[in-house]
């Protein structure tokens, strides 16, 4: 799609599109929503990079972009966005103080996202573990051995496991 067609269809100026293509500018949330709608992608797709299949990605809540807000009353921050044709499981993991849970790994191709809800929790594969604070998220291939380890006050995680489509 040309910059002119994108600008026209999104109802924004061509110069705004050109500036954004060059990595300049500070678009409003309304502009971003218009671009996402015109491009037929989620708003999150404009913010997220796709981590490589074998990479571990750590995202701090403080670095997550706000995708909607209403003053100080409401803020939605985007932690992840992905396409999936398989199954997704969401679970809450509660760890007692100083608890450790080791996993030998899940089925091939499983990707896990763990978001710390409370406490301090180390999560991830051997050699790439990260200490998560409330709001932080780690993404990693869960088909390899990985660990969950809480600190002295215990912890709680929201865990999303993404299974590939089984043919």
N, C-alpha and C. Protein backbone atom coordinates (compact mmCIF):
# COMPACT_ATOMS: atom_id res chain seq x y z
N UNK A 1 0.85 -1.17 0.00
CA UNK A 1 0.00 0.00 0.00
C UNK A 1 0.90 1.24 0.00
N UNK A 2 0.60 2.19 -0.82
CA UNK A 2 1.40 3.41 -0.88
C UNK A 2 1.11 4.29 0.33
N UNK A 3 2.03 5.19 0.60
CA UNK A 3 1.85 6.13 1.71
C UNK A 3 0.62 7.00 1.47
N UNK A 4 0.39 7.39 0.21
CA UNK A 4 -0.77 8.22 -0.12
C UNK A 4 -2.07 7.47 0.15
N UNK A 5 -2.12 6.20 -0.28
CA UNK A 5 -3.33 5.41 -0.07
C UNK A 5 -3.57 5.15 1.41
N UNK A 6 -2.51 4.87 2.15
CA UNK A 6 -2.64 4.65 3.59
C UNK A 6 -3.15 5.90 4.28
N UNK A 7 -2.57 7.05 3.93
CA UNK A 7 -3.00 8.32 4.54
C UNK A 7 -4.46 8.59 4.23
N UNK A 8 -4.84 8.42 2.97
CA UNK A 8 -6.22 8.67 2.55
C UNK A 8 -7.19 7.76 3.30
N UNK A 9 -6.90 6.44 3.30
CA UNK A 9 -7.81 5.48 3.91
C UNK A 9 -7.89 5.63 5.44
N UNK A 10 -6.78 6.07 6.04
CA UNK A 10 -6.77 6.24 7.49
C UNK A 10 -7.28 7.61 7.93
N UNK A 11 -7.42 8.52 6.95
CA UNK A 11 -7.90 9.86 7.28
C UNK A 11 -6.86 10.72 7.98
N UNK A 12 -5.59 10.49 7.63
CA UNK A 12 -4.51 11.30 8.20
C UNK A 12 -3.69 11.88 7.05
N UNK A 13 -2.80 12.81 7.37
CA UNK A 13 -2.04 13.46 6.30
C UNK A 13 -0.92 12.54 5.80
N UNK A 14 -0.57 12.74 4.53
CA UNK A 14 0.52 11.98 3.93
C UNK A 14 1.84 12.30 4.62
N UNK A 15 2.01 13.55 5.05
CA UNK A 15 3.25 13.92 5.73
C UNK A 15 3.38 13.18 7.07
N UNK A 16 2.26 12.92 7.75
CA UNK A 16 2.30 12.15 9.00
C UNK A 16 2.77 10.73 8.72
N UNK A 17 2.22 10.12 7.67
CA UNK A 17 2.62 8.76 7.30
C UNK A 17 4.10 8.74 6.94
N UNK A 18 4.55 9.71 6.17
CA UNK A 18 5.96 9.77 5.76
C UNK A 18 6.88 9.91 6.97
N UNK A 19 6.51 10.77 7.91
CA UNK A 19 7.33 10.94 9.11
C UNK A 19 7.40 9.65 9.92
N UNK A 20 6.29 8.96 10.04
CA UNK A 20 6.26 7.71 10.79
C UNK A 20 7.10 6.63 10.11
N UNK A 21 7.05 6.58 8.77
CA UNK A 21 7.87 5.62 8.03
C UNK A 21 9.36 5.85 8.28
N UNK A 22 9.75 7.10 8.47
CA UNK A 22 11.15 7.44 8.72
C UNK A 22 11.52 7.29 10.20
N UNK A 23 10.55 6.91 11.02
CA UNK A 23 10.82 6.74 12.45
C UNK A 23 10.78 8.04 13.22
N UNK A 24 10.20 9.06 12.62
CA UNK A 24 10.07 10.36 13.28
C UNK A 24 8.63 10.57 13.70
N UNK A 25 8.40 11.57 14.49
CA UNK A 25 7.04 11.92 14.87
C UNK A 25 6.63 11.27 16.17
N UNK A 26 5.53 11.74 16.68
CA UNK A 26 4.97 11.24 17.93
C UNK A 26 3.46 11.15 17.72
N UNK A 27 2.98 10.09 17.08
CA UNK A 27 1.57 10.01 16.71
C UNK A 27 0.66 9.90 17.93
N UNK A 28 -0.52 10.44 17.80
CA UNK A 28 -1.53 10.30 18.86
C UNK A 28 -2.08 8.88 18.83
N UNK A 29 -2.73 8.51 19.90
CA UNK A 29 -3.37 7.20 19.96
C UNK A 29 -4.44 7.08 18.87
N UNK A 30 -5.16 8.16 18.59
CA UNK A 30 -6.18 8.14 17.54
C UNK A 30 -5.55 7.86 16.18
N UNK A 31 -4.38 8.44 15.92
CA UNK A 31 -3.68 8.20 14.66
C UNK A 31 -3.27 6.74 14.56
N UNK A 32 -2.73 6.19 15.66
CA UNK A 32 -2.32 4.78 15.65
C UNK A 32 -3.50 3.85 15.45
N UNK A 33 -4.62 4.14 16.11
CA UNK A 33 -5.82 3.31 15.91
C UNK A 33 -6.28 3.36 14.45
N UNK A 34 -6.24 4.55 13.84
CA UNK A 34 -6.65 4.69 12.44
C UNK A 34 -5.73 3.89 11.52
N UNK A 35 -4.42 3.94 11.78
CA UNK A 35 -3.49 3.17 10.97
C UNK A 35 -3.71 1.66 11.13
N UNK A 36 -3.87 1.21 12.37
CA UNK A 36 -4.10 -0.22 12.61
C UNK A 36 -5.36 -0.70 11.91
N UNK A 37 -6.42 0.07 12.02
CA UNK A 37 -7.69 -0.31 11.39
C UNK A 37 -7.53 -0.38 9.87
N UNK A 38 -6.87 0.62 9.30
CA UNK A 38 -6.67 0.65 7.85
C UNK A 38 -5.80 -0.50 7.37
N UNK A 39 -4.78 -0.86 8.16
CA UNK A 39 -3.88 -1.95 7.79
C UNK A 39 -4.43 -3.33 8.15
N UNK A 40 -5.58 -3.35 8.82
CA UNK A 40 -6.22 -4.61 9.23
C UNK A 40 -5.31 -5.42 10.16
N UNK A 41 -4.71 -4.71 11.11
CA UNK A 41 -3.88 -5.35 12.13
C UNK A 41 -4.34 -4.84 13.50
N UNK A 42 -3.94 -5.55 14.53
CA UNK A 42 -4.25 -5.08 15.88
C UNK A 42 -3.38 -3.87 16.19
N UNK A 43 -3.84 -3.06 17.13
CA UNK A 43 -3.03 -1.93 17.56
C UNK A 43 -1.68 -2.43 18.07
N UNK A 44 -1.70 -3.55 18.75
CA UNK A 44 -0.47 -4.12 19.28
C UNK A 44 0.56 -4.44 18.21
N UNK A 45 0.10 -4.81 17.02
CA UNK A 45 1.02 -5.15 15.94
C UNK A 45 1.90 -3.96 15.55
N UNK A 46 1.43 -2.75 15.82
CA UNK A 46 2.23 -1.56 15.51
C UNK A 46 3.36 -1.36 16.52
N UNK A 47 3.25 -2.00 17.68
CA UNK A 47 4.23 -1.81 18.75
C UNK A 47 5.18 -2.98 18.90
N UNK A 48 4.74 -4.18 18.57
CA UNK A 48 5.48 -5.37 18.94
C UNK A 48 6.41 -5.84 17.84
N UNK A 49 7.57 -6.31 18.28
CA UNK A 49 8.47 -6.99 17.37
C UNK A 49 8.25 -8.48 17.58
N UNK A 50 8.51 -9.26 16.60
CA UNK A 50 8.36 -10.70 16.73
C UNK A 50 9.69 -11.29 17.15
N UNK A 51 9.74 -11.80 18.37
CA UNK A 51 10.97 -12.43 18.86
C UNK A 51 11.24 -13.68 18.05
N UNK A 52 12.50 -13.93 17.81
CA UNK A 52 12.88 -15.13 17.08
C UNK A 52 12.50 -16.38 17.85
N UNK A 53 12.39 -17.46 17.18
CA UNK A 53 11.88 -18.69 17.76
C UNK A 53 12.69 -19.19 18.96
N UNK A 54 13.98 -18.98 18.96
CA UNK A 54 14.78 -19.49 20.06
C UNK A 54 15.15 -18.44 21.09
N UNK A 55 14.63 -17.23 20.95
CA UNK A 55 15.03 -16.14 21.82
C UNK A 55 14.20 -16.07 23.09
N UNK A 56 14.80 -15.47 24.10
CA UNK A 56 14.09 -15.13 25.33
C UNK A 56 13.91 -13.63 25.31
N UNK A 57 12.70 -13.18 25.59
CA UNK A 57 12.42 -11.75 25.57
C UNK A 57 11.86 -11.35 26.93
N UNK A 58 12.48 -10.35 27.55
CA UNK A 58 12.04 -9.83 28.83
C UNK A 58 11.41 -8.47 28.59
N UNK A 59 10.20 -8.27 29.11
CA UNK A 59 9.52 -6.99 28.95
C UNK A 59 9.12 -6.47 30.32
N UNK A 60 9.61 -5.29 30.66
CA UNK A 60 9.27 -4.64 31.92
C UNK A 60 7.99 -3.84 31.73
N UNK A 61 7.12 -3.89 32.72
CA UNK A 61 5.85 -3.15 32.66
C UNK A 61 6.11 -1.67 32.40
N UNK A 62 7.16 -1.15 33.00
CA UNK A 62 7.47 0.27 32.83
C UNK A 62 7.75 0.63 31.37
N UNK A 63 8.18 -0.35 30.55
CA UNK A 63 8.51 -0.11 29.14
C UNK A 63 7.35 -0.42 28.19
N UNK A 64 6.27 -0.97 28.71
CA UNK A 64 5.15 -1.37 27.85
C UNK A 64 4.37 -0.14 27.39
N UNK A 65 4.07 -0.06 26.09
CA UNK A 65 3.35 1.12 25.58
C UNK A 65 1.90 1.14 26.06
N UNK A 66 1.42 2.33 26.34
CA UNK A 66 0.00 2.51 26.68
C UNK A 66 -0.79 2.50 25.38
N UNK A 67 -1.78 1.64 25.30
CA UNK A 67 -2.59 1.56 24.08
C UNK A 67 -3.97 2.16 24.28
N UNK A 68 -4.31 2.46 25.53
CA UNK A 68 -5.56 3.16 25.83
C UNK A 68 -5.41 3.76 27.21
N UNK A 69 -6.03 4.92 27.40
CA UNK A 69 -5.99 5.53 28.72
C UNK A 69 -7.11 6.53 28.87
N UNK A 70 -7.47 6.79 30.11
CA UNK A 70 -8.47 7.80 30.45
C UNK A 70 -7.91 8.53 31.66
N UNK A 71 -7.01 9.47 31.42
CA UNK A 71 -6.34 10.17 32.50
C UNK A 71 -5.63 9.20 33.41
N UNK A 72 -5.75 9.40 34.71
CA UNK A 72 -5.15 8.49 35.68
C UNK A 72 -6.11 7.40 36.11
N UNK A 73 -7.34 7.42 35.60
CA UNK A 73 -8.36 6.46 35.99
C UNK A 73 -8.18 5.08 35.36
N UNK A 74 -7.63 5.03 34.16
CA UNK A 74 -7.54 3.78 33.40
C UNK A 74 -6.34 3.86 32.47
N UNK A 75 -5.51 2.83 32.50
CA UNK A 75 -4.39 2.71 31.56
C UNK A 75 -4.30 1.25 31.15
N UNK A 76 -4.26 0.98 29.85
CA UNK A 76 -4.03 -0.36 29.32
C UNK A 76 -2.66 -0.35 28.66
N UNK A 77 -1.77 -1.22 29.12
CA UNK A 77 -0.44 -1.31 28.55
C UNK A 77 -0.29 -2.65 27.85
N UNK A 78 0.26 -2.62 26.66
CA UNK A 78 0.39 -3.81 25.85
C UNK A 78 1.65 -4.58 26.23
N UNK A 79 1.47 -5.82 26.65
CA UNK A 79 2.60 -6.66 27.02
C UNK A 79 2.97 -7.64 25.90
N UNK A 80 1.98 -8.10 25.14
CA UNK A 80 2.28 -9.08 24.09
C UNK A 80 1.16 -9.10 23.06
N UNK A 81 1.53 -9.51 21.89
CA UNK A 81 0.57 -9.71 20.81
C UNK A 81 1.14 -10.80 19.91
N UNK A 82 0.32 -11.76 19.54
CA UNK A 82 0.82 -12.83 18.69
C UNK A 82 -0.32 -13.46 17.91
N UNK A 83 0.06 -14.11 16.81
CA UNK A 83 -0.88 -14.87 16.00
C UNK A 83 -0.76 -16.32 16.42
N UNK A 84 -1.87 -17.02 16.41
CA UNK A 84 -1.83 -18.41 16.83
C UNK A 84 -2.88 -19.20 16.08
N UNK A 85 -2.49 -20.37 15.66
CA UNK A 85 -3.46 -21.26 15.03
C UNK A 85 -3.62 -22.53 15.86
N UNK A 86 -2.97 -22.57 17.00
CA UNK A 86 -3.07 -23.74 17.87
C UNK A 86 -3.87 -23.41 19.12
N UNK A 87 -3.55 -24.08 20.19
CA UNK A 87 -4.26 -23.91 21.45
C UNK A 87 -3.48 -22.98 22.36
N UNK A 88 -4.20 -22.22 23.16
CA UNK A 88 -3.58 -21.34 24.16
C UNK A 88 -4.16 -21.70 25.51
N UNK A 89 -3.28 -21.89 26.49
CA UNK A 89 -3.70 -22.15 27.86
C UNK A 89 -3.25 -20.99 28.74
N UNK A 90 -4.12 -20.56 29.65
CA UNK A 90 -3.80 -19.50 30.59
C UNK A 90 -3.95 -20.08 31.98
N UNK A 91 -2.93 -19.90 32.81
CA UNK A 91 -3.01 -20.43 34.18
C UNK A 91 -2.37 -19.44 35.15
N UNK A 92 -2.75 -19.58 36.42
CA UNK A 92 -2.15 -18.80 37.49
C UNK A 92 -1.28 -19.78 38.28
N UNK A 93 -0.01 -19.42 38.46
CA UNK A 93 0.94 -20.25 39.20
C UNK A 93 1.26 -19.52 40.50
N UNK A 94 1.00 -20.19 41.63
CA UNK A 94 1.29 -19.63 42.94
C UNK A 94 2.46 -20.40 43.55
N UNK A 95 3.48 -19.67 43.98
CA UNK A 95 4.68 -20.28 44.55
C UNK A 95 4.79 -19.88 46.02
N UNK A 96 5.01 -20.85 46.88
CA UNK A 96 5.23 -20.60 48.30
C UNK A 96 6.57 -19.88 48.46
N UNK A 97 6.83 -19.30 49.63
CA UNK A 97 8.13 -18.66 49.85
C UNK A 97 9.29 -19.62 49.56
N UNK A 98 10.28 -19.11 48.83
CA UNK A 98 11.50 -19.86 48.48
C UNK A 98 11.22 -21.17 47.75
N UNK A 99 10.14 -21.24 47.00
CA UNK A 99 9.79 -22.46 46.26
C UNK A 99 10.51 -22.49 44.91
N UNK A 100 10.76 -23.69 44.43
CA UNK A 100 11.38 -23.87 43.12
C UNK A 100 10.63 -24.98 42.40
N UNK A 101 10.27 -24.72 41.16
CA UNK A 101 9.61 -25.71 40.32
C UNK A 101 10.43 -25.83 39.05
N UNK A 102 10.92 -27.02 38.78
CA UNK A 102 11.68 -27.28 37.57
C UNK A 102 10.82 -28.02 36.57
N UNK A 103 10.86 -27.61 35.32
CA UNK A 103 10.13 -28.28 34.26
C UNK A 103 11.13 -28.86 33.27
N UNK A 104 10.90 -30.09 32.85
CA UNK A 104 11.78 -30.71 31.84
C UNK A 104 11.52 -30.16 30.46
N UNK A 105 10.43 -29.41 30.32
CA UNK A 105 10.06 -28.85 29.02
C UNK A 105 8.74 -29.40 28.56
N UNK A 106 8.07 -28.64 27.74
CA UNK A 106 6.76 -29.01 27.21
C UNK A 106 6.92 -29.64 25.83
N UNK A 107 5.82 -29.81 25.17
CA UNK A 107 5.83 -30.37 23.82
C UNK A 107 6.61 -29.47 22.86
N UNK A 108 7.14 -30.02 21.78
CA UNK A 108 7.89 -29.21 20.81
C UNK A 108 7.08 -28.02 20.30
N UNK A 109 7.72 -26.87 20.23
CA UNK A 109 7.09 -25.69 19.66
C UNK A 109 6.30 -24.83 20.64
N UNK A 110 6.18 -25.25 21.89
CA UNK A 110 5.40 -24.47 22.86
C UNK A 110 6.18 -23.21 23.25
N UNK A 111 5.48 -22.09 23.25
CA UNK A 111 6.04 -20.82 23.70
C UNK A 111 5.30 -20.42 24.96
N UNK A 112 6.05 -19.93 25.95
CA UNK A 112 5.45 -19.54 27.22
C UNK A 112 5.69 -18.07 27.49
N UNK A 113 4.67 -17.42 28.03
CA UNK A 113 4.76 -16.04 28.50
C UNK A 113 4.36 -16.06 29.96
N UNK A 114 5.24 -15.58 30.83
CA UNK A 114 4.95 -15.54 32.26
C UNK A 114 4.98 -14.09 32.71
N UNK A 115 3.88 -13.65 33.31
CA UNK A 115 3.77 -12.28 33.83
C UNK A 115 3.70 -12.37 35.34
N UNK A 116 4.57 -11.65 36.02
CA UNK A 116 4.58 -11.64 37.48
C UNK A 116 3.40 -10.81 37.99
N UNK A 117 2.59 -11.43 38.83
CA UNK A 117 1.45 -10.74 39.43
C UNK A 117 1.83 -10.18 40.80
N UNK A 118 2.58 -10.98 41.57
CA UNK A 118 3.00 -10.52 42.89
C UNK A 118 4.31 -11.19 43.29
N UNK A 119 5.03 -10.56 44.20
CA UNK A 119 6.29 -11.09 44.67
C UNK A 119 7.41 -10.88 43.66
N UNK A 120 8.52 -11.55 43.91
CA UNK A 120 9.66 -11.58 43.00
C UNK A 120 9.87 -13.02 42.60
N UNK A 121 9.90 -13.30 41.30
CA UNK A 121 10.00 -14.67 40.82
C UNK A 121 11.02 -14.74 39.69
N UNK A 122 11.96 -15.68 39.81
CA UNK A 122 12.89 -15.95 38.71
C UNK A 122 12.23 -16.96 37.79
N UNK A 123 12.28 -16.68 36.49
CA UNK A 123 11.62 -17.54 35.52
C UNK A 123 12.48 -17.64 34.28
N UNK A 124 12.46 -18.81 33.65
CA UNK A 124 13.09 -18.94 32.35
C UNK A 124 13.92 -20.18 32.21
N UNK A 125 14.47 -20.38 31.03
CA UNK A 125 15.34 -21.53 30.78
C UNK A 125 16.70 -21.31 31.44
N UNK A 126 17.40 -22.41 31.72
CA UNK A 126 18.74 -22.32 32.28
C UNK A 126 19.59 -21.40 31.42
N UNK A 127 20.31 -20.49 32.05
CA UNK A 127 21.19 -19.58 31.33
C UNK A 127 20.49 -18.33 30.83
N UNK A 128 19.17 -18.27 30.92
CA UNK A 128 18.44 -17.09 30.44
C UNK A 128 17.30 -16.72 31.39
N UNK A 129 17.47 -17.07 32.66
CA UNK A 129 16.43 -16.75 33.64
C UNK A 129 16.45 -15.25 33.92
N UNK A 130 15.28 -14.72 34.29
CA UNK A 130 15.16 -13.30 34.64
C UNK A 130 14.37 -13.19 35.93
N UNK A 131 14.73 -12.21 36.74
CA UNK A 131 13.99 -11.92 37.96
C UNK A 131 12.86 -10.98 37.59
N UNK A 132 11.63 -11.46 37.76
CA UNK A 132 10.46 -10.66 37.41
C UNK A 132 9.90 -9.96 38.64
N UNK A 133 9.56 -8.70 38.47
CA UNK A 133 8.84 -7.93 39.46
C UNK A 133 7.39 -7.84 38.99
N UNK A 134 6.45 -7.47 39.86
CA UNK A 134 5.06 -7.38 39.43
C UNK A 134 4.90 -6.54 38.15
N UNK A 135 4.23 -7.12 37.17
CA UNK A 135 4.00 -6.47 35.89
C UNK A 135 4.98 -6.86 34.81
N UNK A 136 6.14 -7.40 35.15
CA UNK A 136 7.14 -7.79 34.16
C UNK A 136 6.72 -9.10 33.48
N UNK A 137 7.19 -9.29 32.26
CA UNK A 137 6.85 -10.50 31.50
C UNK A 137 8.10 -11.04 30.82
N UNK A 138 8.21 -12.36 30.78
CA UNK A 138 9.26 -13.03 30.03
C UNK A 138 8.59 -13.97 29.03
N UNK A 139 9.15 -14.05 27.84
CA UNK A 139 8.68 -14.95 26.79
C UNK A 139 9.83 -15.86 26.41
N UNK A 140 9.58 -17.17 26.31
CA UNK A 140 10.64 -18.10 25.95
C UNK A 140 10.04 -19.38 25.38
N UNK A 141 10.89 -20.13 24.68
CA UNK A 141 10.49 -21.46 24.21
C UNK A 141 10.38 -22.36 25.43
N UNK A 142 9.22 -22.93 25.64
CA UNK A 142 9.00 -23.77 26.82
C UNK A 142 9.20 -25.24 26.51
N UNK A 143 9.69 -25.56 25.33
CA UNK A 143 9.98 -26.96 24.99
C UNK A 143 11.40 -27.33 25.42
N UNK A 144 12.00 -26.50 26.26
CA UNK A 144 13.31 -26.76 26.83
C UNK A 144 13.17 -26.69 28.36
N UNK A 145 14.11 -27.25 29.10
CA UNK A 145 14.01 -27.18 30.56
C UNK A 145 13.96 -25.73 31.04
N UNK A 146 13.08 -25.46 32.01
CA UNK A 146 12.96 -24.12 32.56
C UNK A 146 12.54 -24.19 34.03
N UNK A 147 12.68 -23.05 34.70
CA UNK A 147 12.52 -23.02 36.16
C UNK A 147 11.65 -21.84 36.57
N UNK A 148 10.89 -22.04 37.65
CA UNK A 148 10.18 -20.98 38.36
C UNK A 148 10.72 -21.01 39.79
N UNK A 149 11.23 -19.88 40.29
CA UNK A 149 11.78 -19.85 41.64
C UNK A 149 11.35 -18.55 42.32
N UNK A 150 10.67 -18.69 43.47
CA UNK A 150 10.21 -17.51 44.20
C UNK A 150 11.25 -17.08 45.21
N UNK A 151 11.10 -15.88 45.68
CA UNK A 151 11.95 -15.34 46.74
C UNK A 151 11.25 -15.55 48.09
N UNK A 152 11.73 -14.88 49.11
CA UNK A 152 11.28 -15.11 50.50
C UNK A 152 9.79 -14.90 50.72
N UNK A 153 9.16 -14.02 49.95
CA UNK A 153 7.73 -13.76 50.16
C UNK A 153 6.82 -14.57 49.24
N UNK A 154 7.37 -15.50 48.48
CA UNK A 154 6.56 -16.25 47.53
C UNK A 154 6.23 -15.39 46.33
N UNK A 155 5.40 -15.90 45.45
CA UNK A 155 5.04 -15.13 44.27
C UNK A 155 3.92 -15.76 43.50
N UNK A 156 3.41 -15.00 42.55
CA UNK A 156 2.31 -15.47 41.71
C UNK A 156 2.56 -15.00 40.29
N UNK A 157 2.33 -15.91 39.34
CA UNK A 157 2.51 -15.64 37.92
C UNK A 157 1.23 -15.90 37.15
N UNK A 158 1.00 -15.14 36.10
CA UNK A 158 0.00 -15.48 35.10
C UNK A 158 0.80 -16.08 33.96
N UNK A 159 0.52 -17.33 33.61
CA UNK A 159 1.29 -18.04 32.59
C UNK A 159 0.40 -18.34 31.39
N UNK A 160 0.87 -17.95 30.22
CA UNK A 160 0.17 -18.22 28.96
C UNK A 160 1.06 -19.14 28.14
N UNK A 161 0.54 -20.33 27.82
CA UNK A 161 1.29 -21.28 27.00
C UNK A 161 0.61 -21.37 25.64
N UNK A 162 1.40 -21.19 24.61
CA UNK A 162 0.92 -21.21 23.23
C UNK A 162 1.42 -22.48 22.56
N UNK A 163 0.48 -23.35 22.22
CA UNK A 163 0.80 -24.62 21.58
C UNK A 163 0.61 -24.48 20.08
N UNK A 164 1.53 -25.00 19.28
CA UNK A 164 1.36 -24.92 17.82
C UNK A 164 0.21 -25.80 17.37
N UNK A 165 -0.31 -25.46 16.21
CA UNK A 165 -1.40 -26.25 15.63
C UNK A 165 -0.92 -27.66 15.35
N UNK A 166 -1.67 -28.64 15.82
CA UNK A 166 -1.32 -30.04 15.57
C UNK A 166 -2.01 -30.50 14.29
N UNK A 167 -1.24 -30.92 13.33
CA UNK A 167 -1.84 -31.33 12.04
C UNK A 167 -2.18 -32.80 12.03
